[in-house]
PDB file of N, CA and C in Angstrom:
ATOM      1  N   MET A   1       5.746 -11.471   9.673  1.00  0.00           N
ATOM      2  CA  MET A   1       6.884 -11.588   8.563  1.00  0.00           C
ATOM      3  C   MET A   1       6.025 -10.121   7.915  1.00  0.00           C
ATOM      4  N   THR A   2       7.134  -9.330   7.764  1.00  0.00           N
ATOM      5  CA  THR A   2       6.622  -7.772   7.466  1.00  0.00           C
ATOM      6  C   THR A   2       6.708  -7.857   5.512  1.00  0.00           C
ATOM      7  N   ARG A   3       5.883  -7.386   4.805  1.00  0.00           N
ATOM      8  CA  ARG A   3       5.527  -7.457   3.196  1.00  0.00           C
ATOM      9  C   ARG A   3       6.357  -6.298   2.797  1.00  0.00           C
ATOM     10  N   PRO A   4       7.443  -6.316   1.605  1.00  0.00           N
ATOM     11  CA  PRO A   4       8.088  -4.867   1.237  1.00  0.00           C
ATOM     12  C   PRO A   4       6.881  -3.943   0.578  1.00  0.00           C
ATOM     13  N   ALA A   5       7.609  -2.640   0.719  1.00  0.00           N
ATOM     14  CA  ALA A   5       6.421  -1.616   0.223  1.00  0.00           C
ATOM     15  C   ALA A   5       6.083  -1.624  -1.339  1.00  0.00           C
ATOM     16  N   ILE A   6       7.707  -1.607  -2.337  1.00  0.00           N
ATOM     17  CA  ILE A   6       7.209  -2.222  -3.315  1.00  0.00           C
ATOM     18  C   ILE A   6       8.330  -3.607  -3.686  1.00  0.00           C
ATOM     19  N   THR A   7       7.869  -4.076  -5.234  1.00  0.00           N
ATOM     20  CA  THR A   7       8.623  -5.284  -5.260  1.00  0.00           C
ATOM     21  C   THR A   7       8.607  -5.199  -6.689  1.00  0.00           C
ATOM     22  N   SER A   8       9.690  -5.924  -7.161  1.00  0.00           N
ATOM     23  CA  SER A   8      10.329  -5.816  -8.670  1.00  0.00           C
ATOM     24  C   SER A   8       9.940  -6.726  -9.271  1.00  0.00           C
ATOM     25  N   VAL A   9       8.987  -6.297 -10.782  1.00  0.00           N
ATOM     26  CA  VAL A   9       8.586  -7.669 -11.433  1.00  0.00           C
ATOM     27  C   VAL A   9       9.016  -7.374 -12.692  1.00  0.00           C
ATOM     28  N   SER A  10       9.302  -8.813 -13.573  1.00  0.00           N
ATOM     29  CA  SER A  10       9.778  -8.716 -14.715  1.00  0.00           C
ATOM     30  C   SER A  10       8.640  -8.220 -15.897  1.00  0.00           C
ATOM     31  N   ARG A  11       8.950  -7.595 -16.922  1.00  0.00           N
ATOM     32  CA  ARG A  11       8.001  -7.318 -17.751  1.00  0.00           C
ATOM     33  C   ARG A  11       8.365  -7.405 -19.230  1.00  0.00           C
ATOM     34  N   PHE A  12       7.596  -7.696 -19.884  1.00  0.00           N
ATOM     35  CA  PHE A  12       7.915  -7.754 -21.152  1.00  0.00           C
ATOM     36  C   PHE A  12       6.711  -7.039 -22.056  1.00  0.00           C
ATOM     37  N   ALA A  13       7.401  -5.887 -23.181  1.00  0.00           N
ATOM     38  CA  ALA A  13       6.318  -4.946 -23.707  1.00  0.00           C
ATOM     39  C   ALA A  13       6.376  -5.364 -25.481  1.00  0.00           C
ATOM     40  N   GLN A  14       5.705  -5.670 -26.245  1.00  0.00           N
ATOM     41  CA  GLN A  14       5.379  -5.743 -27.515  1.00  0.00           C
ATOM     42  C   GLN A  14       5.284  -4.126 -28.234  1.00  0.00           C
ATOM     43  N   ARG A  15       5.832  -3.863 -29.120  1.00  0.00           N
ATOM     44  CA  ARG A  15       5.806  -2.833 -29.599  1.00  0.00           C
ATOM     45  C   ARG A  15       5.743  -2.938 -31.172  1.00  0.00           C
ATOM     46  N   SER A  16       5.153  -2.115 -32.100  1.00  0.00           N
ATOM     47  CA  SER A  16       5.381  -1.916 -33.526  1.00  0.00           C
ATOM     48  C   SER A  16       6.707  -2.219 -34.151  1.00  0.00           C
ATOM     49  N   ASN A  17       7.698  -1.521 -33.190  1.00  0.00           N
ATOM     50  CA  ASN A  17       9.087  -1.786 -33.354  1.00  0.00           C
ATOM     51  C   ASN A  17      10.263  -2.609 -32.686  1.00  0.00           C
ATOM     52  N   GLY A  18       9.392  -3.433 -32.140  1.00  0.00           N
ATOM     53  CA  GLY A  18      10.578  -4.638 -31.502  1.00  0.00           C
ATOM     54  C   GLY A  18       9.800  -5.109 -30.285  1.00  0.00           C
ATOM     55  N   SER A  19      10.384  -5.977 -29.570  1.00  0.00           N
ATOM     56  CA  SER A  19       9.617  -5.833 -28.052  1.00  0.00           C
ATOM     57  C   SER A  19      11.297  -5.738 -27.031  1.00  0.00           C
ATOM     58  N   THR A  20      10.446  -5.321 -25.601  1.00  0.00           N
ATOM     59  CA  THR A  20      11.625  -5.253 -24.622  1.00  0.00           C
ATOM     60  C   THR A  20      11.192  -5.997 -23.156  1.00  0.00           C
ATOM     61  N   GLN A  21      12.184  -6.359 -22.968  1.00  0.00           N
ATOM     62  CA  GLN A  21      12.258  -7.012 -21.498  1.00  0.00           C
ATOM     63  C   GLN A  21      12.702  -5.885 -20.417  1.00  0.00           C
ATOM     64  N   ALA A  22      12.164  -6.091 -19.397  1.00  0.00           N
ATOM     65  CA  ALA A  22      13.048  -4.953 -18.001  1.00  0.00           C
ATOM     66  C   ALA A  22      12.221  -5.565 -16.821  1.00  0.00           C
ATOM     67  N   ASP A  23      12.537  -4.967 -15.723  1.00  0.00           N
ATOM     68  CA  ASP A  23      12.185  -4.794 -14.612  1.00  0.00           C
ATOM     69  C   ASP A  23      11.345  -3.423 -14.267  1.00  0.00           C
ATOM     70  N   ARG A  24      10.662  -3.680 -13.301  1.00  0.00           N
ATOM     71  CA  ARG A  24       9.838  -2.720 -13.234  1.00  0.00           C
ATOM     72  C   ARG A  24       9.451  -2.981 -11.585  1.00  0.00           C
ATOM     73  N   PHE A  25       9.366  -1.657 -10.894  1.00  0.00           N
ATOM     74  CA  PHE A  25       8.984  -1.749  -9.310  1.00  0.00           C
ATOM     75  C   PHE A  25       7.557  -1.118  -9.209  1.00  0.00           C
ATOM     76  N   VAL A  26       6.745  -2.293  -8.987  1.00  0.00           N
ATOM     77  CA  VAL A  26       5.135  -2.170  -8.424  1.00  0.00           C
ATOM     78  C   VAL A  26       5.341  -1.946  -6.990  1.00  0.00           C
ATOM     79  N   PRO A  27       4.303  -1.107  -6.641  1.00  0.00           N
ATOM     80  CA  PRO A  27       3.739  -0.815  -5.193  1.00  0.00           C
ATOM     81  C   PRO A  27       3.219  -1.652  -4.320  1.00  0.00           C
ATOM     82  N   GLU A  28       3.483  -2.377  -3.619  1.00  0.00           N
ATOM     83  CA  GLU A  28       2.557  -3.326  -3.153  1.00  0.00           C
ATOM     84  C   GLU A  28       1.653  -2.463  -1.871  1.00  0.00           C
ATOM     85  N   GLU A  29       0.086  -3.257  -2.553  1.00  0.00           N
ATOM     86  CA  GLU A  29      -1.137  -2.324  -1.472  1.00  0.00           C
ATOM     87  C   GLU A  29      -1.497  -3.678  -0.730  1.00  0.00           C
ATOM     88  N   VAL A  30      -2.023  -3.378   0.525  1.00  0.00           N
ATOM     89  CA  VAL A  30      -3.159  -4.155   0.926  1.00  0.00           C
ATOM     90  C   VAL A  30      -3.786  -3.618   1.872  1.00  0.00           C
ATOM     91  N   PRO A  31      -5.093  -4.196   2.161  1.00  0.00           N
ATOM     92  CA  PRO A  31      -6.322  -3.921   2.769  1.00  0.00           C
ATOM     93  C   PRO A  31      -6.243  -3.518   4.500  1.00  0.00           C
ATOM     94  N   ILE A  32      -6.027  -2.443   4.607  1.00  0.00           N
ATOM     95  CA  ILE A  32      -5.883  -1.717   6.124  1.00  0.00           C
ATOM     96  C   ILE A  32      -7.177  -1.250   6.878  1.00  0.00           C
ATOM     97  N   ALA A  33      -7.455  -1.819   7.822  1.00  0.00           N
ATOM     98  CA  ALA A  33      -8.457  -1.464   8.826  1.00  0.00           C
ATOM     99  C   ALA A  33      -8.054  -1.137   9.805  1.00  0.00           C
ATOM    100  N   LEU A  34      -8.817  -0.155   9.923  1.00  0.00           N
ATOM    101  CA  LEU A  34      -8.653   0.708  11.504  1.00  0.00           C
ATOM    102  C   LEU A  34     -10.335   0.734  12.448  1.00  0.00           C
ATOM    103  N   SER A  35      -9.768   0.079  13.572  1.00  0.00           N
ATOM    104  CA  SER A  35     -10.868  -0.150  14.171  1.00  0.00           C
ATOM    105  C   SER A  35     -10.436   0.327  15.850  1.00  0.00           C
ATOM    106  N   TYR A  36     -11.706   0.903  16.435  1.00  0.00           N
ATOM    107  CA  TYR A  36     -11.430   1.774  17.714  1.00  0.00           C
ATOM    108  C   TYR A  36     -12.703   0.959  18.712  1.00  0.00           C
ATOM    109  N   ALA A  37     -12.043   0.711  19.643  1.00  0.00           N
ATOM    110  CA  ALA A  37     -12.961  -0.043  20.725  1.00  0.00           C
ATOM    111  C   ALA A  37     -14.087  -1.234  20.032  1.00  0.00           C
ATOM    112  N   GLY A  38     -13.772  -1.662  19.258  1.00  0.00           N
ATOM    113  CA  GLY A  38     -14.572  -2.811  18.484  1.00  0.00           C
ATOM    114  C   GLY A  38     -15.249  -2.495  17.273  1.00  0.00           C
ATOM    115  N   THR A  39     -14.995  -1.103  17.252  1.00  0.00           N
ATOM    116  CA  THR A  39     -15.971  -0.914  15.977  1.00  0.00           C
ATOM    117  C   THR A  39     -14.540  -0.333  14.771  1.00  0.00           C
ATOM    118  N   THR A  40     -15.226  -0.996  13.426  1.00  0.00           N
ATOM    119  CA  THR A  40     -14.083  -0.638  12.449  1.00  0.00           C
ATOM    120  C   THR A  40     -14.915   0.263  11.914  1.00  0.00           C
ATOM    121  N   HIS A  41     -13.724   1.694  11.915  1.00  0.00           N
ATOM    122  CA  HIS A  41     -14.033   3.273  11.251  1.00  0.00           C
ATOM    123  C   HIS A  41     -13.821   3.552   9.751  1.00  0.00           C
ATOM    124  N   ALA A  42     -12.868   2.600   9.201  1.00  0.00           N
ATOM    125  CA  ALA A  42     -12.644   2.906   7.773  1.00  0.00           C
ATOM    126  C   ALA A  42     -11.790   1.660   7.513  1.00  0.00           C
ATOM    127  N   VAL A  43     -11.813   1.163   5.910  1.00  0.00           N
ATOM    128  CA  VAL A  43     -11.222  -0.103   5.543  1.00  0.00           C
ATOM    129  C   VAL A  43     -10.556   0.745   4.192  1.00  0.00           C
ATOM    130  N   MET A  44      -9.224   0.387   3.848  1.00  0.00           N
ATOM    131  CA  MET A  44      -8.848   1.052   2.648  1.00  0.00           C
ATOM    132  C   MET A  44      -7.369   0.368   2.436  1.00  0.00           C
ATOM    133  N   MET A  45      -7.045   0.658   1.068  1.00  0.00           N
ATOM    134  CA  MET A  45      -5.763  -0.500   0.346  1.00  0.00           C
ATOM    135  C   MET A  45      -5.068   0.834   0.503  1.00  0.00           C
ATOM    136  N   GLY A  46      -3.406   0.379   0.800  1.00  0.00           N
ATOM    137  CA  GLY A  46      -2.421   0.773   1.003  1.00  0.00           C
ATOM    138  C   GLY A  46      -1.205   0.500   1.176  1.00  0.00           C
ATOM    139  N   SER A  47      -0.334   1.239   1.369  1.00  0.00           N
ATOM    140  CA  SER A  47       1.122   0.393   1.191  1.00  0.00           C
ATOM    141  C   SER A  47       1.319   0.091   2.610  1.00  0.00           C
ATOM    142  N   PRO A  48       1.595  -1.351   2.909  1.00  0.00           N
ATOM    143  CA  PRO A  48       2.223  -2.196   4.134  1.00  0.00           C
ATOM    144  C   PRO A  48       3.642  -1.149   4.987  1.00  0.00           C
ATOM    145  N   ALA A  49       4.197  -0.475   4.224  1.00  0.00           N
ATOM    146  CA  ALA A  49       5.088   0.319   4.812  1.00  0.00           C
ATOM    147  C   ALA A  49       4.708   1.699   5.949  1.00  0.00           C
ATOM    148  N   ASP A  50       5.098   1.884   6.942  1.00  0.00           N
ATOM    149  CA  ASP A  50       4.851   3.199   7.855  1.00  0.00           C
ATOM    150  C   ASP A  50       3.376   2.638   8.193  1.00  0.00           C
ATOM    151  N   LEU A  51       3.105   1.520   8.875  1.00  0.00           N
ATOM    152  CA  LEU A  51       1.504   1.552   8.968  1.00  0.00           C
ATOM    153  C   LEU A  51       1.342   2.180   9.906  1.00  0.00           C
ATOM    154  N   GLU A  52       2.071   2.225  11.549  1.00  0.00           N
ATOM    155  CA  GLU A  52       2.220   3.316  12.554  1.00  0.00           C
ATOM    156  C   GLU A  52       1.670   4.832  12.163  1.00  0.00           C
ATOM    157  N   ASP A  53       2.618   5.308  11.222  1.00  0.00           N
ATOM    158  CA  ASP A  53       2.454   6.476  10.772  1.00  0.00           C
ATOM    159  C   ASP A  53       1.078   7.022  10.287  1.00  0.00           C
ATOM    160  N   PHE A  54       0.633   6.082   9.161  1.00  0.00           N
ATOM    161  CA  PHE A  54      -0.860   6.338   8.711  1.00  0.00           C
ATOM    162  C   PHE A  54      -1.487   6.225   9.696  1.00  0.00           C
ATOM    163  N   ALA A  55      -1.549   5.106  10.591  1.00  0.00           N
ATOM    164  CA  ALA A  55      -2.716   4.846  11.651  1.00  0.00           C
ATOM    165  C   ALA A  55      -2.612   6.443  12.679  1.00  0.00           C
ATOM    166  N   ARG A  56      -1.686   6.398  13.073  1.00  0.00           N
ATOM    167  CA  ARG A  56      -1.496   7.763  13.635  1.00  0.00           C
ATOM    168  C   ARG A  56      -2.555   9.199  12.988  1.00  0.00           C
ATOM    169  N   GLY A  57      -2.153   9.051  11.650  1.00  0.00           N
ATOM    170  CA  GLY A  57      -1.986  10.297  11.005  1.00  0.00           C
ATOM    171  C   GLY A  57      -3.832  10.297  10.611  1.00  0.00           C
ATOM    172  N   PHE A  58      -4.444   9.090  10.502  1.00  0.00           N
ATOM    173  CA  PHE A  58      -5.784   9.041  10.464  1.00  0.00           C
ATOM    174  C   PHE A  58      -6.315   9.383  11.583  1.00  0.00           C
ATOM    175  N   SER A  59      -5.951   8.687  12.828  1.00  0.00           N
ATOM    176  CA  SER A  59      -6.744   9.120  13.990  1.00  0.00           C
ATOM    177  C   SER A  59      -7.071  10.540  14.329  1.00  0.00           C
ATOM    178  N   LEU A  60      -5.560  11.369  13.867  1.00  0.00           N
ATOM    179  CA  LEU A  60      -5.339  12.136  14.408  1.00  0.00           C
ATOM    180  C   LEU A  60      -6.358  13.247  13.547  1.00  0.00           C
ATOM    181  N   THR A  61      -6.483  13.240  12.425  1.00  0.00           N
ATOM    182  CA  THR A  61      -7.513  13.878  11.242  1.00  0.00           C
ATOM    183  C   THR A  61      -8.665  13.805  11.498  1.00  0.00           C
ATOM    184  N   GLU A  62      -9.050  12.161  11.935  1.00  0.00           N
ATOM    185  CA  GLU A  62     -10.511  11.874  12.511  1.00  0.00           C
ATOM    186  C   GLU A  62     -10.971  12.675  13.577  1.00  0.00           C
ATOM    187  N   GLY A  63     -10.137  13.351  14.576  1.00  0.00           N
ATOM    188  CA  GLY A  63     -10.414  13.685  15.547  1.00  0.00           C
ATOM    189  C   GLY A  63     -10.618  12.554  16.621  1.00  0.00           C
ATOM    190  N   ILE A  64     -10.370  11.701  16.477  1.00  0.00           N
ATOM    191  CA  ILE A  64     -10.308   9.927  17.044  1.00  0.00           C
ATOM    192  C   ILE A  64      -9.256  10.229  18.551  1.00  0.00           C
ATOM    193  N   ILE A  65      -8.468  10.710  18.181  1.00  0.00           N
ATOM    194  CA  ILE A  65      -7.188  10.892  19.505  1.00  0.00           C
ATOM    195  C   ILE A  65      -6.773  12.134  18.848  1.00  0.00           C
ATOM    196  N   ALA A  66      -6.145  12.947  20.369  1.00  0.00           N
ATOM    197  CA  ALA A  66      -5.695  13.963  20.152  1.00  0.00           C
ATOM    198  C   ALA A  66      -4.570  14.482  20.334  1.00  0.00           C
TER     199      ALA A  66
END
């Protein structure tokens, strides 16, 4: 199952001039661990969208792949 990159949540705001209720979009973040040859090189939080692009960019930047 793939998680969405954003989730719509309902919110209620109370202010001095009254209250409002509306939906807001909240980005989803999940822990991402990048491991090479059985060794974890990095663990970070990120969006579940475009994980392949994220891993490729990290690997290129760190010099793990050419």
